[in-house]
């Protein structure tokens, strides 16, 4: 079954638009990566001075995800992750969560 890779981001209040624009304007090559199924950027609830976001990526297998993290495509996709505009918007580093699908309906 599939593997879901998620990163949670706490985005400072007032920086939501800039954060979303970074994701909208990025050059994504995920569709070219073996095992990639779907990407979503999710906007969640507000917290104390931040808005919660999550990147949600569905992979065919955990092995496909892990292969991507070791690829040139991964390095290229994350080369600007430390830019000050992105860093300034975040309250700390993203938190990774990986899930293996055990049940799927749909």
N, C-alpha and C. Protein backbone atom coordinates (compact mmCIF):
# COMPACT_ATOMS: atom_id res chain seq x y z
N UNK A 1 0.84 -1.19 0.00
CA UNK A 1 0.00 0.00 0.00
C UNK A 1 0.87 1.24 0.00
N UNK A 2 0.27 2.38 -0.02
CA UNK A 2 0.99 3.64 -0.19
C UNK A 2 1.65 4.14 1.10
N UNK A 3 2.50 5.14 0.92
CA UNK A 3 3.19 5.80 2.02
C UNK A 3 2.89 7.29 1.93
N UNK A 4 2.55 7.90 3.05
CA UNK A 4 2.24 9.33 3.08
C UNK A 4 3.32 10.04 3.89
N UNK A 5 3.95 11.02 3.24
CA UNK A 5 4.99 11.83 3.89
C UNK A 5 4.41 13.22 4.12
N UNK A 6 4.49 13.67 5.38
CA UNK A 6 3.94 14.97 5.73
C UNK A 6 4.97 15.78 6.50
N UNK A 7 4.98 17.08 6.24
CA UNK A 7 5.77 18.01 7.03
C UNK A 7 4.81 19.05 7.58
N UNK A 8 4.89 19.27 8.90
CA UNK A 8 4.06 20.30 9.54
C UNK A 8 4.88 21.57 9.68
N UNK A 9 4.27 22.69 9.34
CA UNK A 9 4.92 23.99 9.41
C UNK A 9 4.09 24.92 10.28
N UNK A 10 4.72 25.58 11.23
CA UNK A 10 4.06 26.64 11.99
C UNK A 10 4.49 27.95 11.35
N UNK A 11 3.54 28.59 10.65
CA UNK A 11 3.82 29.82 9.91
C UNK A 11 3.35 31.01 10.73
N UNK A 12 4.26 31.95 10.93
CA UNK A 12 3.94 33.13 11.74
C UNK A 12 2.71 33.85 11.19
N UNK A 13 1.87 34.32 12.11
CA UNK A 13 0.69 35.09 11.72
C UNK A 13 1.14 36.28 10.86
N UNK A 14 0.47 36.48 9.74
CA UNK A 14 0.81 37.55 8.82
C UNK A 14 1.74 37.13 7.70
N UNK A 15 2.33 35.95 7.80
CA UNK A 15 3.25 35.46 6.78
C UNK A 15 2.63 34.38 5.90
N UNK A 16 1.35 34.11 6.08
CA UNK A 16 0.71 33.03 5.35
C UNK A 16 0.78 33.21 3.84
N UNK A 17 0.49 34.42 3.36
CA UNK A 17 0.50 34.69 1.92
C UNK A 17 1.87 34.45 1.30
N UNK A 18 2.92 34.92 1.97
CA UNK A 18 4.28 34.72 1.47
C UNK A 18 4.64 33.24 1.45
N UNK A 19 4.26 32.53 2.51
CA UNK A 19 4.55 31.11 2.60
C UNK A 19 3.86 30.35 1.47
N UNK A 20 2.59 30.65 1.25
CA UNK A 20 1.85 29.98 0.18
C UNK A 20 2.44 30.30 -1.19
N UNK A 21 2.89 31.53 -1.39
CA UNK A 21 3.46 31.92 -2.68
C UNK A 21 4.75 31.17 -2.97
N UNK A 22 5.56 30.93 -1.95
CA UNK A 22 6.79 30.14 -2.13
C UNK A 22 6.43 28.77 -2.70
N UNK A 23 5.39 28.16 -2.17
CA UNK A 23 4.96 26.84 -2.64
C UNK A 23 4.36 26.91 -4.04
N UNK A 24 3.55 27.96 -4.31
CA UNK A 24 2.92 28.11 -5.62
C UNK A 24 3.94 28.33 -6.73
N UNK A 25 4.98 29.08 -6.44
CA UNK A 25 5.93 29.49 -7.47
C UNK A 25 7.12 28.54 -7.59
N UNK A 26 7.17 27.50 -6.77
CA UNK A 26 8.30 26.59 -6.83
C UNK A 26 8.27 25.77 -8.12
N UNK A 27 9.44 25.33 -8.54
CA UNK A 27 9.52 24.46 -9.71
C UNK A 27 9.46 23.03 -9.22
N UNK A 28 8.28 22.44 -9.30
CA UNK A 28 8.10 21.07 -8.81
C UNK A 28 8.39 20.08 -9.93
N UNK A 29 9.14 19.06 -9.58
CA UNK A 29 9.41 17.98 -10.52
C UNK A 29 8.91 16.64 -9.98
N UNK A 30 8.03 16.71 -9.00
CA UNK A 30 7.54 15.49 -8.37
C UNK A 30 6.89 14.54 -9.38
N UNK A 31 6.20 15.08 -10.36
CA UNK A 31 5.50 14.22 -11.33
C UNK A 31 6.47 13.34 -12.12
N UNK A 32 7.75 13.73 -12.14
CA UNK A 32 8.77 12.96 -12.86
C UNK A 32 9.40 11.87 -11.99
N UNK A 33 9.10 11.88 -10.70
CA UNK A 33 9.76 10.98 -9.75
C UNK A 33 9.00 9.65 -9.65
N UNK A 34 9.70 8.53 -9.81
CA UNK A 34 9.04 7.22 -9.70
C UNK A 34 8.35 7.05 -8.34
N UNK A 35 7.10 6.61 -8.39
CA UNK A 35 6.35 6.34 -7.16
C UNK A 35 5.53 7.50 -6.65
N UNK A 36 5.75 8.72 -7.20
CA UNK A 36 4.96 9.87 -6.75
C UNK A 36 3.52 9.72 -7.20
N UNK A 37 2.58 9.99 -6.27
CA UNK A 37 1.15 9.89 -6.58
C UNK A 37 0.43 11.23 -6.52
N UNK A 38 0.64 11.97 -5.42
CA UNK A 38 -0.13 13.20 -5.23
C UNK A 38 0.53 14.11 -4.21
N UNK A 39 0.41 15.44 -4.43
CA UNK A 39 0.90 16.44 -3.49
C UNK A 39 -0.24 17.39 -3.15
N UNK A 40 -0.30 17.76 -1.88
CA UNK A 40 -1.23 18.80 -1.43
C UNK A 40 -0.53 19.65 -0.37
N UNK A 41 -0.78 20.94 -0.39
CA UNK A 41 -0.38 21.82 0.71
C UNK A 41 -1.66 22.15 1.46
N UNK A 42 -1.69 21.80 2.73
CA UNK A 42 -2.88 21.95 3.55
C UNK A 42 -2.74 23.11 4.52
N UNK A 43 -3.79 23.92 4.63
CA UNK A 43 -3.83 25.02 5.59
C UNK A 43 -4.69 24.57 6.75
N UNK A 44 -4.13 24.62 7.94
CA UNK A 44 -4.84 24.14 9.12
C UNK A 44 -5.29 25.26 10.04
N UNK A 45 -5.50 24.91 11.29
CA UNK A 45 -6.03 25.87 12.26
C UNK A 45 -4.98 26.89 12.70
N UNK A 46 -5.48 27.96 13.27
CA UNK A 46 -4.60 28.98 13.86
C UNK A 46 -4.22 28.54 15.26
N UNK A 47 -2.98 28.88 15.64
CA UNK A 47 -2.51 28.62 16.98
C UNK A 47 -2.12 29.94 17.62
N UNK A 48 -1.30 29.88 18.61
CA UNK A 48 -0.85 31.08 19.34
C UNK A 48 0.22 31.81 18.51
N UNK A 49 -0.23 32.71 17.63
CA UNK A 49 0.68 33.49 16.82
C UNK A 49 1.11 32.81 15.53
N UNK A 50 0.46 31.72 15.15
CA UNK A 50 0.83 31.02 13.93
C UNK A 50 -0.38 30.35 13.28
N UNK A 51 -0.18 29.95 12.03
CA UNK A 51 -1.15 29.12 11.30
C UNK A 51 -0.43 27.82 10.97
N UNK A 52 -1.08 26.70 11.20
CA UNK A 52 -0.50 25.40 10.92
C UNK A 52 -0.72 25.04 9.44
N UNK A 53 0.34 24.59 8.78
CA UNK A 53 0.28 24.08 7.41
C UNK A 53 0.90 22.69 7.40
N UNK A 54 0.53 21.91 6.39
CA UNK A 54 1.15 20.61 6.22
C UNK A 54 1.31 20.32 4.73
N UNK A 55 2.51 19.88 4.36
CA UNK A 55 2.69 19.34 3.01
C UNK A 55 2.36 17.86 3.11
N UNK A 56 1.58 17.37 2.17
CA UNK A 56 1.03 16.02 2.22
C UNK A 56 1.33 15.36 0.88
N UNK A 57 2.23 14.38 0.88
CA UNK A 57 2.64 13.73 -0.36
C UNK A 57 2.37 12.24 -0.28
N UNK A 58 1.67 11.72 -1.27
CA UNK A 58 1.38 10.30 -1.32
C UNK A 58 2.35 9.65 -2.30
N UNK A 59 3.00 8.60 -1.81
CA UNK A 59 3.95 7.81 -2.60
C UNK A 59 3.43 6.40 -2.73
N UNK A 60 3.83 5.72 -3.80
CA UNK A 60 3.41 4.33 -4.00
C UNK A 60 3.92 3.45 -2.86
N UNK A 61 5.18 3.68 -2.45
CA UNK A 61 5.78 2.89 -1.37
C UNK A 61 6.73 3.75 -0.55
N UNK A 62 7.05 3.27 0.65
CA UNK A 62 8.05 3.94 1.48
C UNK A 62 9.39 3.97 0.75
N UNK A 63 9.70 2.90 0.04
CA UNK A 63 10.98 2.82 -0.68
C UNK A 63 11.07 3.90 -1.77
N UNK A 64 9.95 4.20 -2.45
CA UNK A 64 9.94 5.28 -3.44
C UNK A 64 10.23 6.61 -2.78
N UNK A 65 9.60 6.85 -1.62
CA UNK A 65 9.85 8.09 -0.89
C UNK A 65 11.32 8.19 -0.48
N UNK A 66 11.85 7.12 0.09
CA UNK A 66 13.24 7.14 0.55
C UNK A 66 14.22 7.33 -0.60
N UNK A 67 13.92 6.73 -1.75
CA UNK A 67 14.77 6.92 -2.92
C UNK A 67 14.76 8.38 -3.35
N UNK A 68 13.59 9.01 -3.29
CA UNK A 68 13.49 10.42 -3.66
C UNK A 68 14.33 11.29 -2.71
N UNK A 69 14.32 10.98 -1.41
CA UNK A 69 15.07 11.80 -0.46
C UNK A 69 16.58 11.72 -0.69
N UNK A 70 17.04 10.71 -1.42
CA UNK A 70 18.46 10.55 -1.70
C UNK A 70 18.83 10.99 -3.11
N UNK A 71 17.87 11.57 -3.83
CA UNK A 71 18.06 11.90 -5.24
C UNK A 71 18.50 13.35 -5.46
N UNK A 72 19.00 13.59 -6.67
CA UNK A 72 19.33 14.96 -7.08
C UNK A 72 18.06 15.81 -7.13
N UNK A 73 16.94 15.21 -7.51
CA UNK A 73 15.67 15.93 -7.58
C UNK A 73 15.28 16.46 -6.20
N UNK A 74 15.53 15.69 -5.15
CA UNK A 74 15.24 16.13 -3.79
C UNK A 74 16.13 17.31 -3.41
N UNK A 75 17.42 17.19 -3.68
CA UNK A 75 18.35 18.29 -3.36
C UNK A 75 17.97 19.56 -4.11
N UNK A 76 17.60 19.41 -5.37
CA UNK A 76 17.17 20.56 -6.18
C UNK A 76 15.91 21.20 -5.60
N UNK A 77 14.96 20.37 -5.20
CA UNK A 77 13.69 20.87 -4.67
C UNK A 77 13.86 21.61 -3.35
N UNK A 78 14.91 21.28 -2.59
CA UNK A 78 15.09 21.86 -1.27
C UNK A 78 16.25 22.85 -1.19
N UNK A 79 16.81 23.23 -2.33
CA UNK A 79 17.99 24.08 -2.32
C UNK A 79 17.73 25.46 -1.73
N UNK A 80 16.49 25.96 -1.81
CA UNK A 80 16.17 27.28 -1.28
C UNK A 80 15.39 27.22 0.03
N UNK A 81 15.36 26.06 0.66
CA UNK A 81 14.57 25.90 1.88
C UNK A 81 15.04 26.81 3.00
N UNK A 82 16.31 27.18 2.99
CA UNK A 82 16.84 28.03 4.05
C UNK A 82 16.81 29.51 3.74
N UNK A 83 16.15 29.90 2.64
CA UNK A 83 16.07 31.32 2.30
C UNK A 83 15.47 32.10 3.45
N UNK A 84 15.92 33.33 3.62
CA UNK A 84 15.45 34.12 4.76
C UNK A 84 13.95 34.36 4.71
N UNK A 85 13.37 34.54 3.50
CA UNK A 85 11.92 34.77 3.43
C UNK A 85 11.14 33.57 3.94
N UNK A 86 11.63 32.37 3.65
CA UNK A 86 10.97 31.16 4.13
C UNK A 86 11.24 30.98 5.61
N UNK A 87 12.50 31.12 5.99
CA UNK A 87 12.89 30.94 7.39
C UNK A 87 12.18 31.92 8.31
N UNK A 88 12.07 33.17 7.88
CA UNK A 88 11.43 34.20 8.70
C UNK A 88 9.95 33.91 8.93
N UNK A 89 9.33 33.21 7.98
CA UNK A 89 7.90 32.91 8.09
C UNK A 89 7.63 31.79 9.09
N UNK A 90 8.63 30.97 9.36
CA UNK A 90 8.41 29.78 10.18
C UNK A 90 8.78 29.98 11.64
N UNK A 91 8.03 29.33 12.50
CA UNK A 91 8.34 29.29 13.92
C UNK A 91 8.99 27.93 14.19
N UNK A 92 10.26 27.82 13.83
CA UNK A 92 10.98 26.57 14.01
C UNK A 92 10.98 25.75 12.74
N UNK A 93 11.76 24.67 12.75
CA UNK A 93 11.86 23.82 11.56
C UNK A 93 10.58 23.00 11.36
N UNK A 94 10.35 22.53 10.12
CA UNK A 94 9.18 21.68 9.90
C UNK A 94 9.34 20.36 10.65
N UNK A 95 8.22 19.76 10.97
CA UNK A 95 8.21 18.46 11.66
C UNK A 95 7.73 17.40 10.69
N UNK A 96 8.58 16.41 10.42
CA UNK A 96 8.25 15.34 9.50
C UNK A 96 7.43 14.26 10.18
N UNK A 97 6.47 13.72 9.44
CA UNK A 97 5.70 12.57 9.88
C UNK A 97 5.50 11.66 8.68
N UNK A 98 5.80 10.38 8.81
CA UNK A 98 5.62 9.42 7.73
C UNK A 98 4.64 8.34 8.15
N UNK A 99 3.73 7.99 7.24
CA UNK A 99 2.68 7.02 7.56
C UNK A 99 2.57 5.98 6.46
N UNK A 100 2.47 4.72 6.84
CA UNK A 100 2.18 3.65 5.89
C UNK A 100 0.68 3.40 5.91
N UNK A 101 0.10 3.30 4.73
CA UNK A 101 -1.34 3.05 4.63
C UNK A 101 -1.63 1.60 5.04
N UNK A 102 -2.59 1.43 5.94
CA UNK A 102 -2.99 0.09 6.34
C UNK A 102 -4.42 -0.22 5.90
N UNK A 103 -5.17 0.84 5.58
CA UNK A 103 -6.55 0.68 5.11
C UNK A 103 -6.86 1.83 4.19
N UNK A 104 -7.47 1.55 3.06
CA UNK A 104 -7.83 2.60 2.09
C UNK A 104 -9.19 2.28 1.50
N UNK A 105 -10.06 3.27 1.50
CA UNK A 105 -11.37 3.14 0.86
C UNK A 105 -11.50 4.28 -0.13
N UNK A 106 -12.05 4.00 -1.27
CA UNK A 106 -12.26 5.09 -2.21
C UNK A 106 -12.04 4.75 -3.62
